[in-house]
Protein backbone atom coordinates (compact mmCIF):
# COMPACT_ATOMS: atom_id res chain seq x y z
CA MET A 1 208.07 50.15 37.12
CA GLU A 2 211.82 49.67 37.61
CA ASP A 3 213.68 52.82 38.62
CA ARG A 4 216.23 53.38 35.86
CA ASN A 5 217.45 56.74 37.09
CA HIS A 6 221.25 56.82 36.84
CA LEU A 7 221.56 58.49 40.25
CA GLY A 8 220.67 55.19 41.87
CA LYS A 9 224.10 53.84 40.84
CA ILE A 10 226.14 56.64 42.38
CA LYS A 11 227.74 56.61 45.84
CA THR A 12 227.28 59.71 47.94
CA THR A 13 229.83 61.54 50.08
CA ASN A 14 229.62 64.42 52.52
CA ARG A 15 233.08 65.79 51.71
CA VAL A 16 234.54 67.28 48.53
CA GLU A 17 236.48 64.57 46.73
CA VAL A 18 238.48 65.26 43.57
CA ILE A 19 239.05 62.09 41.56
CA GLY A 20 241.82 61.44 39.05
CA ASN A 21 245.28 62.76 38.29
CA GLY A 22 245.43 61.64 34.65
CA LEU A 23 246.72 58.12 35.37
CA ILE A 24 244.77 55.12 36.64
CA ASP A 25 247.54 52.53 36.32
CA ILE A 26 246.01 50.08 33.81
CA PRO A 27 248.22 46.98 33.54
CA MET A 28 249.64 45.73 30.22
CA LEU A 29 249.45 42.05 29.27
CA GLN A 30 252.86 40.69 28.31
CA LEU A 31 253.66 36.99 27.87
CA LEU A 32 257.02 37.13 26.08
CA LYS A 33 260.07 39.12 27.06
CA SER A 34 261.90 41.10 24.39
CA ASP A 35 264.24 38.18 23.77
CA GLY A 36 261.34 35.82 23.10
CA SER A 37 261.56 33.92 26.38
CA GLU A 38 258.37 33.36 28.36
CA HIS A 39 257.59 35.30 31.50
CA GLU A 40 257.43 33.15 34.61
CA ASN A 41 253.87 31.93 35.26
CA ALA A 42 252.70 33.37 31.92
CA GLN A 43 249.36 31.90 30.85
CA LEU A 44 250.04 31.22 27.19
CA PRO A 45 247.18 30.81 24.71
CA GLU A 46 246.62 27.52 22.94
CA LEU A 47 248.66 27.85 19.77
CA ASP A 48 249.82 24.92 17.65
CA GLN A 49 252.94 24.93 15.49
CA THR A 50 251.08 25.52 12.22
CA LEU A 51 249.27 28.62 13.44
CA ALA A 52 252.32 29.97 15.26
CA LEU A 53 254.42 29.69 12.10
CA LYS A 54 251.69 31.30 10.01
CA ILE A 55 251.67 34.30 12.35
CA HIS A 56 255.45 34.61 12.12
CA ASP A 57 255.60 34.08 8.36
CA THR A 58 252.83 36.61 7.69
CA MET A 59 254.60 39.25 9.78
CA GLU A 60 257.84 38.62 7.90
CA TYR A 61 256.06 38.70 4.53
CA ILE A 62 254.46 42.06 5.36
CA ARG A 63 257.83 43.54 6.29
CA ILE A 64 259.24 42.41 2.95
CA LEU A 65 256.22 43.83 1.12
CA ASP A 66 256.54 47.13 3.01
CA GLU A 67 260.26 47.49 2.26
CA ARG A 68 259.75 46.77 -1.44
CA MET A 69 256.80 49.14 -1.83
CA VAL A 70 258.47 52.03 -0.01
CA ALA A 71 261.34 51.59 -2.46
CA ALA A 72 258.85 51.47 -5.35
CA GLN A 73 257.34 54.78 -4.20
CA ARG A 74 260.79 56.36 -4.00
CA GLN A 75 261.38 55.20 -7.58
CA GLY A 76 258.16 56.88 -8.71
CA ARG A 77 256.43 53.60 -9.54
CA ILE A 78 253.53 54.16 -7.10
CA SER A 79 252.34 57.43 -5.60
CA PHE A 80 252.03 56.65 -1.88
CA TYR A 81 252.66 53.98 0.74
CA LEU A 82 252.25 53.34 4.47
CA ALA A 83 254.54 50.79 6.11
CA SER A 84 253.70 48.88 9.31
CA THR A 85 257.31 48.20 10.36
CA GLY A 86 257.41 47.41 14.08
CA GLU A 87 253.63 47.05 14.33
CA GLU A 88 253.19 43.76 12.48
CA ALA A 89 252.17 41.77 15.57
CA ALA A 90 249.27 44.10 16.35
CA ALA A 91 247.54 43.36 13.03
CA VAL A 92 248.62 39.80 12.28
CA ALA A 93 248.31 38.20 15.73
CA SER A 94 244.93 39.84 16.35
CA ALA A 95 243.60 38.65 12.98
CA ALA A 96 244.80 35.15 13.83
CA ALA A 97 242.51 35.12 16.88
CA LEU A 98 239.39 35.89 14.82
CA SER A 99 236.97 33.77 12.84
CA PRO A 100 237.00 34.19 9.03
CA HIS A 101 233.34 35.26 9.41
CA ASP A 102 234.28 38.25 11.57
CA MET A 103 234.29 41.62 9.80
CA ILE A 104 237.51 43.61 9.75
CA MET A 105 237.34 47.40 9.52
CA SER A 106 240.83 48.79 9.12
CA GLN A 107 242.52 52.16 9.31
CA TYR A 108 245.47 51.87 6.92
CA ARG A 109 248.32 50.00 8.63
CA GLU A 110 246.69 46.57 8.94
CA GLN A 111 247.80 44.96 5.70
CA GLY A 112 249.04 42.10 7.86
CA ALA A 113 245.47 41.20 8.85
CA LEU A 114 244.47 41.06 5.19
CA ALA A 115 247.51 38.96 4.25
CA PHE A 116 246.74 36.55 7.08
CA ARG A 117 243.28 36.01 5.62
CA GLY A 118 244.71 35.13 2.23
CA TYR A 119 245.00 38.34 0.22
CA THR A 120 247.57 37.54 -2.46
CA THR A 121 250.65 39.42 -3.57
CA ASP A 122 249.03 40.01 -6.97
CA GLN A 123 245.98 41.54 -5.26
CA PHE A 124 248.16 43.85 -3.18
CA MET A 125 250.04 44.97 -6.28
CA ASN A 126 247.01 45.50 -8.50
CA GLN A 127 245.43 47.74 -5.86
CA MET A 128 248.58 49.79 -5.39
CA PHE A 129 249.14 50.23 -9.13
CA SER A 130 245.44 51.10 -9.66
CA ASN A 131 245.24 48.94 -12.78
CA LYS A 132 242.40 47.13 -14.52
CA ALA A 133 242.84 44.09 -12.29
CA ASP A 134 242.06 46.18 -9.21
CA PRO A 135 238.42 45.49 -8.21
CA ASN A 136 238.08 49.18 -7.28
CA LYS A 137 239.21 50.17 -10.79
CA GLY A 138 241.95 52.40 -9.45
CA ARG A 139 239.58 54.78 -7.69
CA GLN A 140 241.32 54.49 -4.34
CA MET A 141 244.75 55.64 -3.21
CA PRO A 142 247.38 52.91 -2.81
CA ILE A 143 246.99 50.78 0.36
CA HIS A 144 243.24 51.42 0.50
CA TYR A 145 242.41 47.72 0.27
CA GLY A 146 239.07 45.99 0.51
CA ASP A 147 237.89 42.44 -0.12
CA LYS A 148 234.32 41.25 0.28
CA ALA A 149 235.22 37.55 0.15
CA LEU A 150 237.67 37.98 3.04
CA ASN A 151 235.28 40.15 5.12
CA PHE A 152 237.63 43.11 4.96
CA MET A 153 235.79 46.41 4.56
CA THR A 154 237.34 48.81 2.05
CA ILE A 155 239.59 51.38 3.73
CA SER A 156 238.60 55.04 3.78
CA SER A 157 241.17 57.86 4.05
CA PRO A 158 239.50 60.11 6.66
CA LEU A 159 240.53 59.14 10.17
CA GLY A 160 237.99 57.47 12.43
CA THR A 161 235.09 57.05 10.00
CA GLN A 162 235.25 53.28 10.41
CA ILE A 163 234.66 53.45 14.18
CA PRO A 164 230.93 54.30 14.26
CA GLN A 165 230.52 52.17 11.13
CA ALA A 166 231.95 49.21 13.05
CA SER A 167 229.44 49.75 15.86
CA GLY A 168 226.60 49.79 13.36
CA TYR A 169 227.84 46.72 11.52
CA ALA A 170 228.26 44.80 14.78
CA TYR A 171 224.75 45.82 15.81
CA GLY A 172 223.53 44.29 12.55
CA GLN A 173 225.44 41.09 13.28
CA LYS A 174 223.75 40.95 16.66
CA MET A 175 220.26 41.55 15.21
CA ALA A 176 220.86 38.85 12.60
CA GLY A 177 221.92 36.36 15.28
CA ASN A 178 225.33 35.79 13.68
CA GLU A 179 228.13 34.11 15.60
CA ALA A 180 230.48 36.86 14.49
CA VAL A 181 232.01 40.09 15.69
CA THR A 182 233.47 43.18 14.03
CA ILE A 183 237.00 44.28 14.79
CA CYS A 184 237.85 47.92 14.20
CA TYR A 185 241.48 49.04 13.98
CA PHE A 186 242.66 52.62 14.51
CA GLY A 187 245.61 54.55 15.90
CA GLU A 188 245.73 56.58 19.09
CA GLY A 189 245.67 59.74 17.00
CA ALA A 190 242.37 58.71 15.42
CA ALA A 191 240.97 58.30 18.93
CA SER A 192 241.01 62.10 19.13
CA GLU A 193 238.40 62.27 16.37
CA GLY A 194 234.77 62.76 17.34
CA ASP A 195 233.90 59.53 15.52
CA PHE A 196 235.78 57.57 18.20
CA HIS A 197 233.65 58.94 21.02
CA ALA A 198 230.39 58.57 19.11
CA GLY A 199 231.22 55.05 17.94
CA VAL A 200 232.41 53.67 21.29
CA ASN A 201 229.51 55.20 23.17
CA MET A 202 227.04 53.84 20.61
CA ALA A 203 228.49 50.34 20.96
CA ALA A 204 228.37 50.53 24.76
CA VAL A 205 224.76 51.72 24.89
CA LEU A 206 223.48 49.32 22.20
CA ASN A 207 225.60 46.35 23.40
CA CYS A 208 227.31 45.74 20.06
CA PRO A 209 229.74 42.80 19.67
CA VAL A 210 232.63 44.91 18.40
CA ILE A 211 236.33 44.88 19.28
CA PHE A 212 237.88 48.34 19.16
CA PHE A 213 241.57 47.71 18.54
CA CYS A 214 243.76 50.76 19.10
CA ARG A 215 247.37 50.64 17.92
CA ASN A 216 249.02 53.14 20.25
CA ASN A 217 252.24 53.51 18.30
CA GLY A 218 253.43 56.65 20.05
CA TYR A 219 252.85 59.19 17.30
CA ALA A 220 250.01 60.79 15.36
CA ILE A 221 252.18 61.59 12.34
CA SER A 222 254.71 63.89 14.10
CA THR A 223 252.79 64.52 17.33
CA PRO A 224 253.93 62.31 20.24
CA SER A 225 251.27 60.79 22.44
CA GLU A 226 252.19 62.93 25.46
CA GLU A 227 251.22 65.99 23.42
CA GLN A 228 247.94 64.41 22.32
CA PHE A 229 246.37 63.64 25.68
CA ALA A 230 247.10 63.77 29.42
CA GLY A 231 245.10 60.68 30.41
CA ASP A 232 246.28 57.10 30.73
CA GLY A 233 246.39 56.28 27.05
CA ILE A 234 243.28 55.11 25.19
CA ALA A 235 242.41 52.25 27.56
CA SER A 236 241.12 54.68 30.18
CA ARG A 237 238.63 56.01 27.65
CA GLY A 238 237.13 52.57 27.19
CA ILE A 239 236.61 52.33 30.94
CA GLY A 240 235.10 55.80 30.93
CA TYR A 241 232.50 54.71 28.40
CA GLY A 242 231.67 51.56 30.35
CA VAL A 243 233.46 49.27 27.88
CA LYS A 244 235.43 46.20 28.96
CA THR A 245 239.07 47.02 28.29
CA ILE A 246 242.39 45.23 27.82
CA ARG A 247 245.84 46.79 27.48
CA VAL A 248 248.43 44.59 25.78
CA ASP A 249 252.04 44.72 24.66
CA GLY A 250 251.52 45.25 20.94
CA ASN A 251 254.98 43.88 20.10
CA ASP A 252 254.25 40.57 21.83
CA PRO A 253 252.45 38.35 19.28
CA LEU A 254 251.30 35.81 21.86
CA ALA A 255 249.89 38.49 24.16
CA VAL A 256 248.05 40.17 21.26
CA PHE A 257 246.63 36.80 20.18
CA ALA A 258 245.49 35.98 23.74
CA ALA A 259 243.97 39.44 24.31
CA THR A 260 242.02 39.36 21.04
CA GLN A 261 240.88 35.80 21.63
CA GLU A 262 239.50 36.78 25.03
CA ALA A 263 237.96 39.98 23.67
CA ARG A 264 236.14 38.00 20.99
CA ARG A 265 234.89 35.49 23.56
CA ILE A 266 233.51 38.27 25.77
CA ALA A 267 231.98 40.19 22.86
CA LEU A 268 230.02 37.13 21.73
CA ALA A 269 229.14 35.69 25.12
CA GLU A 270 227.98 38.98 26.63
CA MET A 271 227.00 40.83 23.44
CA CYS A 272 229.08 43.86 24.31
CA PRO A 273 232.01 45.89 22.99
CA VAL A 274 235.60 45.36 24.14
CA LEU A 275 238.44 47.84 23.70
CA ILE A 276 242.04 46.68 23.26
CA GLU A 277 244.91 49.13 23.47
CA ALA A 278 248.07 47.65 21.93
CA MET A 279 251.19 49.50 23.09
CA THR A 280 253.58 49.45 20.14
CA TYR A 281 255.84 51.73 18.09
CA ARG A 282 255.94 52.89 14.50
CA LEU A 283 259.52 52.25 13.38
CA ALA A 284 258.75 53.39 9.85
CA ALA A 285 257.82 56.88 8.77
CA HIS A 286 254.12 57.73 9.08
CA SER A 287 253.96 57.48 5.29
CA THR A 288 256.23 58.01 2.32
CA SER A 289 255.37 61.71 2.66
CA ASP A 290 256.90 61.86 6.16
CA ASP A 291 260.44 62.21 7.53
CA PRO A 292 260.53 61.02 11.17
CA THR A 293 264.09 62.29 11.75
CA GLY A 294 262.55 65.72 12.20
CA TYR A 295 260.65 64.80 15.36
CA ARG A 296 262.30 61.79 17.04
CA SER A 297 265.78 60.45 17.75
CA ARG A 298 267.67 57.44 16.45
CA ASP A 299 268.25 56.34 20.06
CA GLU A 300 264.50 56.19 20.64
CA GLU A 301 264.02 54.08 17.53
CA ASP A 302 266.86 51.74 18.49
CA LYS A 303 265.27 51.05 21.88
CA TRP A 304 262.14 49.84 20.08
CA ARG A 305 264.08 47.85 17.48
CA ALA A 306 265.24 45.71 20.39
CA LYS A 307 261.54 44.82 20.92
CA ASP A 308 261.01 43.74 17.29
CA PRO A 309 257.90 41.49 17.20
CA ILE A 310 259.23 39.33 14.35
CA ALA A 311 262.52 38.53 16.10
CA ARG A 312 260.62 38.02 19.35
CA MET A 313 258.32 35.45 17.72
CA ALA A 314 261.22 33.72 15.95
CA ASN A 315 263.10 33.37 19.24
CA TRP A 316 260.04 31.88 20.94
CA LEU A 317 259.54 29.46 18.05
CA THR A 318 263.20 28.46 18.34
CA HIS A 319 262.79 27.79 22.07
CA LYS A 320 259.83 25.56 21.18
CA GLY A 321 261.84 23.67 18.57
CA TRP A 322 259.43 24.87 15.85
CA PHE A 323 261.78 27.14 13.90
CA ASP A 324 264.25 26.12 11.21
CA GLU A 325 266.57 28.96 10.17
CA LYS A 326 267.42 27.40 6.82
CA GLN A 327 263.76 26.86 5.91
CA ASN A 328 262.93 30.38 7.03
CA LYS A 329 265.65 31.88 4.83
CA ALA A 330 264.25 29.97 1.85
CA LYS A 331 260.75 31.35 2.59
CA VAL A 332 262.09 34.90 2.91
CA ASP A 333 264.00 34.64 -0.37
CA LYS A 334 260.92 33.30 -2.15
CA ALA A 335 258.72 36.04 -0.71
CA ARG A 336 261.13 38.70 -1.98
CA GLN A 337 261.17 37.12 -5.44
CA ASP A 338 257.37 36.82 -5.52
CA VAL A 339 256.84 40.43 -4.46
CA LEU A 340 259.27 41.75 -7.06
CA ALA A 341 257.81 39.54 -9.81
CA ALA A 342 254.24 40.61 -9.00
CA LEU A 343 255.31 44.26 -8.94
CA LYS A 344 256.83 44.01 -12.41
CA VAL A 345 253.69 42.40 -13.82
CA SER A 346 251.20 44.74 -12.15
CA GLU A 347 252.85 47.92 -13.38
CA THR A 348 252.44 46.72 -16.98
CA ILE A 349 248.67 46.11 -16.69
CA PRO A 350 246.73 49.03 -18.23
CA ILE A 351 244.55 51.27 -16.12
CA CYS A 352 240.81 51.57 -16.64
CA GLY A 353 239.37 53.78 -19.35
CA ILE A 354 237.95 57.23 -18.72
CA GLU A 355 234.37 56.00 -19.27
CA GLU A 356 234.59 53.69 -16.27
CA ILE A 357 235.02 56.58 -13.84
CA VAL A 358 231.26 57.16 -13.72
CA GLU A 359 230.20 53.50 -13.66
CA ASP A 360 229.17 51.29 -10.72
CA VAL A 361 227.71 54.11 -8.65
CA TYR A 362 224.17 54.24 -10.04
CA ASP A 363 222.14 51.67 -11.97
CA SER A 364 222.44 53.95 -14.99
CA VAL A 365 224.76 56.92 -15.36
CA PRO A 366 222.82 60.11 -14.39
CA TRP A 367 223.00 63.26 -16.50
CA HIS A 368 225.25 65.23 -14.16
CA LEU A 369 227.96 62.55 -14.13
CA GLN A 370 227.68 62.21 -17.89
CA ASP A 371 228.16 65.98 -18.23
CA GLN A 372 231.23 65.82 -15.98
CA LEU A 373 232.67 62.99 -18.05
CA THR A 374 232.12 64.98 -21.25
CA SER A 375 233.90 67.98 -19.72
CA LEU A 376 236.79 65.79 -18.59
CA LYS A 377 237.24 64.31 -22.05
CA ALA A 378 237.26 67.79 -23.57
CA HIS A 379 239.88 68.90 -21.04
CA ILE A 380 242.14 65.94 -21.84
CA LYS A 381 241.80 66.59 -25.58
CA GLN A 382 242.80 70.20 -25.01
CA TYR A 383 245.87 69.28 -22.94
CA PRO A 384 246.90 65.81 -24.19
CA LYS A 385 250.55 66.16 -23.16
CA LYS A 386 249.52 66.58 -19.53
CA TYR A 387 247.96 63.12 -19.32
CA PRO A 388 249.38 59.63 -19.90
CA LYS A 389 248.31 57.77 -23.02
CA THR A 390 247.14 54.92 -20.78
CA SER A 391 244.39 57.05 -19.27
CA GLY A 392 241.79 55.44 -21.50
CA SER A 393 240.23 56.32 -24.80
CA VAL A 394 238.88 59.82 -25.22
CA ARG A 395 236.16 59.79 -27.86
């Protein structure tokens, strides 16, 4: 019988050797400079004009959507929002390197990946306004999207839950013989959750075709990365778990596309997980409940604004002769008009009735949920002024 004892893989030494000082010097893939020019000898991915423009246009659309919805939250029209300003390339360019059959499991700042796959402005709005046109019937917080047709798993609020789920889903894809992978997005803060360690280790041991995509945007809400961990980012953890790992400039759309394309190739060819750490920066607040001026400086933000992924991509497209400023302005203006028009329509669509709260969970509504519904109706009847009239009939 083959000796599978792990000690057979370990070198021996006859002197005490202490390994590691926190940094192992993992390189970062970068193809475009901050001004959009190509690095000398950069190995660019194959990218035609149509796809390159779609990546750029989707990033720009998401920024417009984010700006409008943050304003809508400030106006009291929606309750909550998370913007991806500065991180658009991480989500959009990685999604562009996938197959439509690949499953996406998101954290909550990857609306760009969903938009790239075809999620419409009306769908975004209906989810955020929790109205009757929302497939989830308003049971999720705003920005907790999901779409079965687009292979985008519904977002869950607790950090890191999607990581072991992604390993399990990818294992199922492998068992079914599908030519597909699962990509799992999360931030570097979520990598401190136990689910990260369990999920990555599970994928490594079971050889699951999953791409773990970490957006290292510098902050876990208000906690900077240097106060979160002493090691060399999240990439070193992938290596520690025996997972093939790539570190990439998350503000370089071409580098993100190339890294994800290669990660997908490896995951399918070798039936194994791959971890990508995208080094980026959250220019926006963590959410509309956050004020970043309390924990970082304007100078720091300005340094990262100079690395804007949208401007970077536009400059590269211009160098290629693929970018028309006049046409782009027309697209931006139309996107703004479309977002505002969809917002105005969605906020007028009624919300679901009270009865629908207990539906779609069981084949028939069980007694305990029915009792809870009865109690809720009685409560609303007792305090009618505390609830909007649009909260459904109370009979």
